[in-house]
Amino acid sequence: MVAVFAMVSNPALQAGELADYVGFIPAGPAITAEDVTAAQKMWGDTVVAIAKAGDGAPALVEKAALTAFAFDHGPIVNAG
C-alpha cells in the first residue's frame, strides 16, 4: 500500500526509489501517473469481467492472476 501511495504522490519515481517499500523491483523505466491510472483501470475492468463471467469465472481469475502478477517474469517475494 505504501508503494502505491508513493507512486501516486510522486508519479516519476524510479524503481530503485521504492526499494524501502518492497522486497524485489526489477530494473526498468520510471512509473508515471498515466501508468498508475492505466493499471487501475485494467484492474477494475478485470474485476467487473470476473463478476460477469459466471461459470467461467475461475478460469478468468487464473488468467488475470497470471497476467497481473507476472509470475513468469521473476521470483515471488515472501513478505513473511
PDB file of N, CA and C in Angstrom:
ATOM      1  N   MET A   1       0.822  -1.188   0.000  1.00  0.00           N
ATOM      2  CA  MET A   1       0.000   0.000   0.000  1.00  0.00           C
ATOM      3  C   MET A   1       0.866   1.253   0.000  1.00  0.00           C
ATOM      4  N   VAL A   2       1.941   1.247   0.749  1.00  0.00           N
ATOM      5  CA  VAL A   2       2.824   2.406   0.805  1.00  0.00           C
ATOM      6  C   VAL A   2       3.450   2.661  -0.555  1.00  0.00           C
ATOM      7  N   ALA A   3       3.843   1.577  -1.247  1.00  0.00           N
ATOM      8  CA  ALA A   3       4.460   1.735  -2.563  1.00  0.00           C
ATOM      9  C   ALA A   3       3.480   2.356  -3.544  1.00  0.00           C
ATOM     10  N   VAL A   4       2.215   1.943  -3.499  1.00  0.00           N
ATOM     11  CA  VAL A   4       1.206   2.523  -4.388  1.00  0.00           C
ATOM     12  C   VAL A   4       1.029   3.996  -4.069  1.00  0.00           C
ATOM     13  N   PHE A   5       0.945   4.350  -2.788  1.00  0.00           N
ATOM     14  CA  PHE A   5       0.829   5.754  -2.406  1.00  0.00           C
ATOM     15  C   PHE A   5       2.035   6.541  -2.887  1.00  0.00           C
ATOM     16  N   ALA A   6       3.224   5.962  -2.747  1.00  0.00           N
ATOM     17  CA  ALA A   6       4.443   6.642  -3.185  1.00  0.00           C
ATOM     18  C   ALA A   6       4.410   6.892  -4.678  1.00  0.00           C
ATOM     19  N   MET A   7       3.910   5.926  -5.464  1.00  0.00           N
ATOM     20  CA  MET A   7       3.853   6.105  -6.906  1.00  0.00           C
ATOM     21  C   MET A   7       2.867   7.193  -7.293  1.00  0.00           C
ATOM     22  N   VAL A   8       1.735   7.254  -6.604  1.00  0.00           N
ATOM     23  CA  VAL A   8       0.722   8.249  -6.935  1.00  0.00           C
ATOM     24  C   VAL A   8       1.161   9.638  -6.487  1.00  0.00           C
ATOM     25  N   SER A   9       1.768   9.731  -5.315  1.00  0.00           N
ATOM     26  CA  SER A   9       2.162  11.038  -4.809  1.00  0.00           C
ATOM     27  C   SER A   9       3.375  11.600  -5.537  1.00  0.00           C
ATOM     28  N   ASN A  10       4.196  10.747  -6.126  1.00  0.00           N
ATOM     29  CA  ASN A  10       5.354  11.182  -6.898  1.00  0.00           C
ATOM     30  C   ASN A  10       5.392  10.337  -8.162  1.00  0.00           C
ATOM     31  N   PRO A  11       4.683  10.742  -9.221  1.00  0.00           N
ATOM     32  CA  PRO A  11       4.458   9.885 -10.370  1.00  0.00           C
ATOM     33  C   PRO A  11       5.686   9.557 -11.216  1.00  0.00           C
ATOM     34  N   ALA A  12       6.850  10.129 -10.934  1.00  0.00           N
ATOM     35  CA  ALA A  12       8.027   9.831 -11.747  1.00  0.00           C
ATOM     36  C   ALA A  12       9.093   9.078 -10.958  1.00  0.00           C
ATOM     37  N   LEU A  13       8.697   8.274  -9.999  1.00  0.00           N
ATOM     38  CA  LEU A  13       9.653   7.518  -9.194  1.00  0.00           C
ATOM     39  C   LEU A  13      10.390   6.491 -10.050  1.00  0.00           C
ATOM     40  N   GLN A  14      11.645   6.306  -9.771  1.00  0.00           N
ATOM     41  CA  GLN A  14      12.419   5.237 -10.379  1.00  0.00           C
ATOM     42  C   GLN A  14      12.254   3.990  -9.512  1.00  0.00           C
ATOM     43  N   ALA A  15      12.416   2.829 -10.100  1.00  0.00           N
ATOM     44  CA  ALA A  15      12.227   1.576  -9.362  1.00  0.00           C
ATOM     45  C   ALA A  15      13.080   1.526  -8.105  1.00  0.00           C
ATOM     46  N   GLY A  16      14.324   1.979  -8.161  1.00  0.00           N
ATOM     47  CA  GLY A  16      15.212   1.929  -7.009  1.00  0.00           C
ATOM     48  C   GLY A  16      14.723   2.740  -5.838  1.00  0.00           C
ATOM     49  N   GLU A  17      13.935   3.763  -6.093  1.00  0.00           N
ATOM     50  CA  GLU A  17      13.420   4.612  -5.019  1.00  0.00           C
ATOM     51  C   GLU A  17      12.341   3.920  -4.196  1.00  0.00           C
ATOM     52  N   LEU A  18      11.786   2.819  -4.702  1.00  0.00           N
ATOM     53  CA  LEU A  18      10.748   2.089  -3.975  1.00  0.00           C
ATOM     54  C   LEU A  18      11.319   0.935  -3.156  1.00  0.00           C
ATOM     55  N   ALA A  19      12.633   0.751  -3.189  1.00  0.00           N
ATOM     56  CA  ALA A  19      13.259  -0.392  -2.528  1.00  0.00           C
ATOM     57  C   ALA A  19      12.954  -0.454  -1.036  1.00  0.00           C
ATOM     58  N   ASP A  20      12.715   0.685  -0.399  1.00  0.00           N
ATOM     59  CA  ASP A  20      12.376   0.681   1.025  1.00  0.00           C
ATOM     60  C   ASP A  20      10.985   0.114   1.277  1.00  0.00           C
ATOM     61  N   TYR A  21      10.160   0.042   0.239  1.00  0.00           N
ATOM     62  CA  TYR A  21       8.770  -0.360   0.410  1.00  0.00           C
ATOM     63  C   TYR A  21       8.476  -1.793  -0.031  1.00  0.00           C
ATOM     64  N   VAL A  22       9.270  -2.319  -0.934  1.00  0.00           N
ATOM     65  CA  VAL A  22       9.021  -3.666  -1.442  1.00  0.00           C
ATOM     66  C   VAL A  22      10.333  -4.446  -1.486  1.00  0.00           C
ATOM     67  N   GLY A  23      10.227  -5.773  -1.530  1.00  0.00           N
ATOM     68  CA  GLY A  23      11.415  -6.605  -1.475  1.00  0.00           C
ATOM     69  C   GLY A  23      12.132  -6.818  -2.795  1.00  0.00           C
ATOM     70  N   PHE A  24      11.430  -6.754  -3.925  1.00  0.00           N
ATOM     71  CA  PHE A  24      12.055  -7.012  -5.220  1.00  0.00           C
ATOM     72  C   PHE A  24      11.442  -6.104  -6.261  1.00  0.00           C
ATOM     73  N   ILE A  25      12.264  -5.320  -6.908  1.00  0.00           N
ATOM     74  CA  ILE A  25      11.792  -4.487  -8.009  1.00  0.00           C
ATOM     75  C   ILE A  25      12.790  -4.641  -9.150  1.00  0.00           C
ATOM     76  N   PRO A  26      12.313  -5.121 -10.301  1.00  0.00           N
ATOM     77  CA  PRO A  26      13.235  -5.243 -11.428  1.00  0.00           C
ATOM     78  C   PRO A  26      13.637  -3.870 -11.947  1.00  0.00           C
ATOM     79  N   ALA A  27      14.788  -3.791 -12.578  1.00  0.00           N
ATOM     80  CA  ALA A  27      15.213  -2.535 -13.187  1.00  0.00           C
ATOM     81  C   ALA A  27      14.238  -2.188 -14.298  1.00  0.00           C
ATOM     82  N   GLY A  28      13.977  -0.919 -14.476  1.00  0.00           N
ATOM     83  CA  GLY A  28      13.060  -0.516 -15.530  1.00  0.00           C
ATOM     84  C   GLY A  28      12.861   0.987 -15.551  1.00  0.00           C
ATOM     85  N   PRO A  29      12.013   1.437 -16.436  1.00  0.00           N
ATOM     86  CA  PRO A  29      11.775   2.878 -16.575  1.00  0.00           C
ATOM     87  C   PRO A  29      10.952   3.441 -15.415  1.00  0.00           C
ATOM     88  N   ALA A  30      10.876   4.752 -15.355  1.00  0.00           N
ATOM     89  CA  ALA A  30      10.071   5.430 -14.332  1.00  0.00           C
ATOM     90  C   ALA A  30       8.599   5.046 -14.474  1.00  0.00           C
ATOM     91  N   ILE A  31       7.895   5.041 -13.372  1.00  0.00           N
ATOM     92  CA  ILE A  31       6.450   4.783 -13.369  1.00  0.00           C
ATOM     93  C   ILE A  31       5.759   6.139 -13.360  1.00  0.00           C
ATOM     94  N   THR A  32       4.909   6.381 -14.349  1.00  0.00           N
ATOM     95  CA  THR A  32       4.229   7.676 -14.456  1.00  0.00           C
ATOM     96  C   THR A  32       2.825   7.602 -13.863  1.00  0.00           C
ATOM     97  N   ALA A  33       2.227   8.748 -13.657  1.00  0.00           N
ATOM     98  CA  ALA A  33       0.842   8.804 -13.181  1.00  0.00           C
ATOM     99  C   ALA A  33      -0.080   8.123 -14.194  1.00  0.00           C
ATOM    100  N   GLU A  34       0.230   8.261 -15.473  1.00  0.00           N
ATOM    101  CA  GLU A  34      -0.570   7.614 -16.513  1.00  0.00           C
ATOM    102  C   GLU A  34      -0.468   6.092 -16.419  1.00  0.00           C
ATOM    103  N   ASP A  35       0.724   5.591 -16.082  1.00  0.00           N
ATOM    104  CA  ASP A  35       0.904   4.156 -15.891  1.00  0.00           C
ATOM    105  C   ASP A  35       0.021   3.652 -14.750  1.00  0.00           C
ATOM    106  N   VAL A  36       0.002   4.391 -13.657  1.00  0.00           N
ATOM    107  CA  VAL A  36      -0.803   4.008 -12.490  1.00  0.00           C
ATOM    108  C   VAL A  36      -2.287   4.029 -12.847  1.00  0.00           C
ATOM    109  N   THR A  37      -2.729   5.070 -13.534  1.00  0.00           N
ATOM    110  CA  THR A  37      -4.137   5.184 -13.935  1.00  0.00           C
ATOM    111  C   THR A  37      -4.526   4.036 -14.861  1.00  0.00           C
ATOM    112  N   ALA A  38      -3.671   3.719 -15.827  1.00  0.00           N
ATOM    113  CA  ALA A  38      -3.958   2.617 -16.748  1.00  0.00           C
ATOM    114  C   ALA A  38      -4.044   1.285 -16.003  1.00  0.00           C
ATOM    115  N   ALA A  39      -3.139   1.055 -15.052  1.00  0.00           N
ATOM    116  CA  ALA A  39      -3.162  -0.181 -14.278  1.00  0.00           C
ATOM    117  C   ALA A  39      -4.426  -0.274 -13.426  1.00  0.00           C
ATOM    118  N   GLN A  40      -4.842   0.841 -12.832  1.00  0.00           N
ATOM    119  CA  GLN A  40      -6.068   0.852 -12.027  1.00  0.00           C
ATOM    120  C   GLN A  40      -7.287   0.534 -12.886  1.00  0.00           C
ATOM    121  N   LYS A  41      -7.340   1.099 -14.104  1.00  0.00           N
ATOM    122  CA  LYS A  41      -8.467   0.834 -14.998  1.00  0.00           C
ATOM    123  C   LYS A  41      -8.485  -0.630 -15.417  1.00  0.00           C
ATOM    124  N   MET A  42      -7.306  -1.166 -15.764  1.00  0.00           N
ATOM    125  CA  MET A  42      -7.234  -2.565 -16.164  1.00  0.00           C
ATOM    126  C   MET A  42      -7.694  -3.472 -15.022  1.00  0.00           C
ATOM    127  N   TRP A  43      -7.246  -3.169 -13.818  1.00  0.00           N
ATOM    128  CA  TRP A  43      -7.638  -3.967 -12.645  1.00  0.00           C
ATOM    129  C   TRP A  43      -9.153  -3.914 -12.448  1.00  0.00           C
ATOM    130  N   GLY A  44      -9.723  -2.710 -12.484  1.00  0.00           N
ATOM    131  CA  GLY A  44     -11.168  -2.553 -12.311  1.00  0.00           C
ATOM    132  C   GLY A  44     -11.961  -3.267 -13.388  1.00  0.00           C
ATOM    133  N   ASP A  45     -11.525  -3.131 -14.645  1.00  0.00           N
ATOM    134  CA  ASP A  45     -12.207  -3.813 -15.752  1.00  0.00           C
ATOM    135  C   ASP A  45     -12.159  -5.329 -15.568  1.00  0.00           C
ATOM    136  N   THR A  46     -11.053  -5.832 -15.048  1.00  0.00           N
ATOM    137  CA  THR A  46     -10.912  -7.269 -14.817  1.00  0.00           C
ATOM    138  C   THR A  46     -11.855  -7.738 -13.716  1.00  0.00           C
ATOM    139  N   VAL A  47     -11.963  -6.971 -12.651  1.00  0.00           N
ATOM    140  CA  VAL A  47     -12.886  -7.330 -11.553  1.00  0.00           C
ATOM    141  C   VAL A  47     -14.319  -7.396 -12.078  1.00  0.00           C
ATOM    142  N   VAL A  48     -14.713  -6.437 -12.895  1.00  0.00           N
ATOM    143  CA  VAL A  48     -16.068  -6.430 -13.466  1.00  0.00           C
ATOM    144  C   VAL A  48     -16.255  -7.636 -14.382  1.00  0.00           C
ATOM    145  N   ALA A  49     -15.260  -7.942 -15.217  1.00  0.00           N
ATOM    146  CA  ALA A  49     -15.358  -9.096 -16.117  1.00  0.00           C
ATOM    147  C   ALA A  49     -15.507 -10.398 -15.337  1.00  0.00           C
ATOM    148  N   ILE A  50     -14.756 -10.522 -14.251  1.00  0.00           N
ATOM    149  CA  ILE A  50     -14.860 -11.725 -13.417  1.00  0.00           C
ATOM    150  C   ILE A  50     -16.260 -11.830 -12.825  1.00  0.00           C
ATOM    151  N   ALA A  51     -16.791 -10.710 -12.359  1.00  0.00           N
ATOM    152  CA  ALA A  51     -18.131 -10.712 -11.768  1.00  0.00           C
ATOM    153  C   ALA A  51     -19.195 -11.131 -12.785  1.00  0.00           C
ATOM    154  N   LYS A  52     -18.981 -10.829 -14.043  1.00  0.00           N
ATOM    155  CA  LYS A  52     -19.944 -11.150 -15.097  1.00  0.00           C
ATOM    156  C   LYS A  52     -19.704 -12.521 -15.728  1.00  0.00           C
ATOM    157  N   ALA A  53     -18.614 -13.188 -15.379  1.00  0.00           N
ATOM    158  CA  ALA A  53     -18.196 -14.406 -16.085  1.00  0.00           C
ATOM    159  C   ALA A  53     -18.982 -15.655 -15.727  1.00  0.00           C
ATOM    160  N   GLY A  54     -19.717 -15.628 -14.649  1.00  0.00           N
ATOM    161  CA  GLY A  54     -20.496 -16.801 -14.264  1.00  0.00           C
ATOM    162  C   GLY A  54     -19.628 -18.026 -14.062  1.00  0.00           C
ATOM    163  N   ASP A  55     -19.977 -19.122 -14.766  1.00  0.00           N
ATOM    164  CA  ASP A  55     -19.229 -20.377 -14.628  1.00  0.00           C
ATOM    165  C   ASP A  55     -17.797 -20.267 -15.137  1.00  0.00           C
ATOM    166  N   GLY A  56     -17.518 -19.279 -15.963  1.00  0.00           N
ATOM    167  CA  GLY A  56     -16.172 -19.094 -16.487  1.00  0.00           C
ATOM    168  C   GLY A  56     -15.269 -18.288 -15.564  1.00  0.00           C
ATOM    169  N   ALA A  57     -15.810 -17.865 -14.427  1.00  0.00           N
ATOM    170  CA  ALA A  57     -15.043 -17.012 -13.512  1.00  0.00           C
ATOM    171  C   ALA A  57     -13.733 -17.651 -13.033  1.00  0.00           C
ATOM    172  N   PRO A  58     -13.712 -18.924 -12.609  1.00  0.00           N
ATOM    173  CA  PRO A  58     -12.441 -19.488 -12.127  1.00  0.00           C
ATOM    174  C   PRO A  58     -11.319 -19.423 -13.171  1.00  0.00           C
ATOM    175  N   ALA A  59     -11.621 -19.736 -14.415  1.00  0.00           N
ATOM    176  CA  ALA A  59     -10.602 -19.677 -15.463  1.00  0.00           C
ATOM    177  C   ALA A  59     -10.145 -18.244 -15.698  1.00  0.00           C
ATOM    178  N   LEU A  60     -11.072 -17.305 -15.649  1.00  0.00           N
ATOM    179  CA  LEU A  60     -10.730 -15.896 -15.841  1.00  0.00           C
ATOM    180  C   LEU A  60      -9.897 -15.377 -14.674  1.00  0.00           C
ATOM    181  N   VAL A  61     -10.209 -15.801 -13.465  1.00  0.00           N
ATOM    182  CA  VAL A  61      -9.420 -15.409 -12.291  1.00  0.00           C
ATOM    183  C   VAL A  61      -7.984 -15.912 -12.434  1.00  0.00           C
ATOM    184  N   GLU A  62      -7.828 -17.160 -12.857  1.00  0.00           N
ATOM    185  CA  GLU A  62      -6.482 -17.708 -13.027  1.00  0.00           C
ATOM    186  C   GLU A  62      -5.709 -16.919 -14.084  1.00  0.00           C
ATOM    187  N   LYS A  63      -6.347 -16.649 -15.210  1.00  0.00           N
ATOM    188  CA  LYS A  63      -5.686 -15.888 -16.275  1.00  0.00           C
ATOM    189  C   LYS A  63      -5.328 -14.481 -15.789  1.00  0.00           C
ATOM    190  N   ALA A  64      -6.240 -13.842 -15.077  1.00  0.00           N
ATOM    191  CA  ALA A  64      -5.992 -12.488 -14.568  1.00  0.00           C
ATOM    192  C   ALA A  64      -4.833 -12.481 -13.581  1.00  0.00           C
ATOM    193  N   ALA A  65      -4.785 -13.469 -12.703  1.00  0.00           N
ATOM    194  CA  ALA A  65      -3.699 -13.529 -11.716  1.00  0.00           C
ATOM    195  C   ALA A  65      -2.353 -13.734 -12.400  1.00  0.00           C
ATOM    196  N   LEU A  66      -2.308 -14.631 -13.365  1.00  0.00           N
ATOM    197  CA  LEU A  66      -1.049 -14.876 -14.074  1.00  0.00           C
ATOM    198  C   LEU A  66      -0.595 -13.632 -14.837  1.00  0.00           C
ATOM    199  N   THR A  67      -1.542 -12.890 -15.387  1.00  0.00           N
ATOM    200  CA  THR A  67      -1.221 -11.674 -16.131  1.00  0.00           C
ATOM    201  C   THR A  67      -0.835 -10.536 -15.197  1.00  0.00           C
ATOM    202  N   ALA A  68      -1.652 -10.291 -14.197  1.00  0.00           N
ATOM    203  CA  ALA A  68      -1.456  -9.141 -13.311  1.00  0.00           C
ATOM    204  C   ALA A  68      -0.197  -9.263 -12.464  1.00  0.00           C
ATOM    205  N   PHE A  69       0.109 -10.455 -12.022  1.00  0.00           N
ATOM    206  CA  PHE A  69       1.225 -10.616 -11.108  1.00  0.00           C
ATOM    207  C   PHE A  69       2.500 -11.102 -11.794  1.00  0.00           C
ATOM    208  N   ALA A  70       2.446 -11.365 -13.092  1.00  0.00           N
ATOM    209  CA  ALA A  70       3.611 -11.695 -13.908  1.00  0.00           C
ATOM    210  C   ALA A  70       4.521 -12.724 -13.241  1.00  0.00           C
ATOM    211  N   PHE A  71       3.938 -13.813 -12.772  1.00  0.00           N
ATOM    212  CA  PHE A  71       4.702 -14.846 -12.093  1.00  0.00           C
ATOM    213  C   PHE A  71       5.840 -15.388 -12.956  1.00  0.00           C
ATOM    214  N   ASP A  72       5.691 -15.309 -14.271  1.00  0.00           N
ATOM    215  CA  ASP A  72       6.710 -15.849 -15.161  1.00  0.00           C
ATOM    216  C   ASP A  72       7.863 -14.881 -15.425  1.00  0.00           C
ATOM    217  N   HIS A  73       7.829 -13.688 -14.821  1.00  0.00           N
ATOM    218  CA  HIS A  73       8.866 -12.686 -15.062  1.00  0.00           C
ATOM    219  C   HIS A  73       9.889 -12.551 -13.939  1.00  0.00           C
ATOM    220  N   GLY A  74       9.769 -13.313 -12.896  1.00  0.00           N
ATOM    221  CA  GLY A  74      10.748 -13.206 -11.815  1.00  0.00           C
ATOM    222  C   GLY A  74      10.284 -13.913 -10.572  1.00  0.00           C
ATOM    223  N   PRO A  75      11.105 -13.859  -9.550  1.00  0.00           N
ATOM    224  CA  PRO A  75      10.797 -14.575  -8.314  1.00  0.00           C
ATOM    225  C   PRO A  75       9.603 -13.956  -7.572  1.00  0.00           C
ATOM    226  N   ILE A  76       8.936 -14.784  -6.837  1.00  0.00           N
ATOM    227  CA  ILE A  76       7.844 -14.325  -5.983  1.00  0.00           C
ATOM    228  C   ILE A  76       8.441 -14.063  -4.608  1.00  0.00           C
ATOM    229  N   VAL A  77       8.237 -12.874  -4.089  1.00  0.00           N
ATOM    230  CA  VAL A  77       8.832 -12.464  -2.820  1.00  0.00           C
ATOM    231  C   VAL A  77       7.928 -12.896  -1.681  1.00  0.00           C
ATOM    232  N   ASN A  78       8.521 -13.518  -0.680  1.00  0.00           N
ATOM    233  CA  ASN A  78       7.788 -13.899   0.516  1.00  0.00           C
ATOM    234  C   ASN A  78       7.943 -12.772   1.524  1.00  0.00           C
ATOM    235  N   ALA A  79       6.851 -12.055   1.770  1.00  0.00           N
ATOM    236  CA  ALA A  79       6.898 -10.909   2.672  1.00  0.00           C
ATOM    237  C   ALA A  79       6.901 -11.329   4.148  1.00  0.00           C
ATOM    238  N   GLY A  80       6.695 -12.585   4.431  1.00  0.00           N
ATOM    239  CA  GLY A  80       6.588 -13.038   5.811  1.00  0.00           C
ATOM    240  C   GLY A  80       7.825 -13.482   6.371  1.00  0.00           C
TER     241      GLY A  80
END
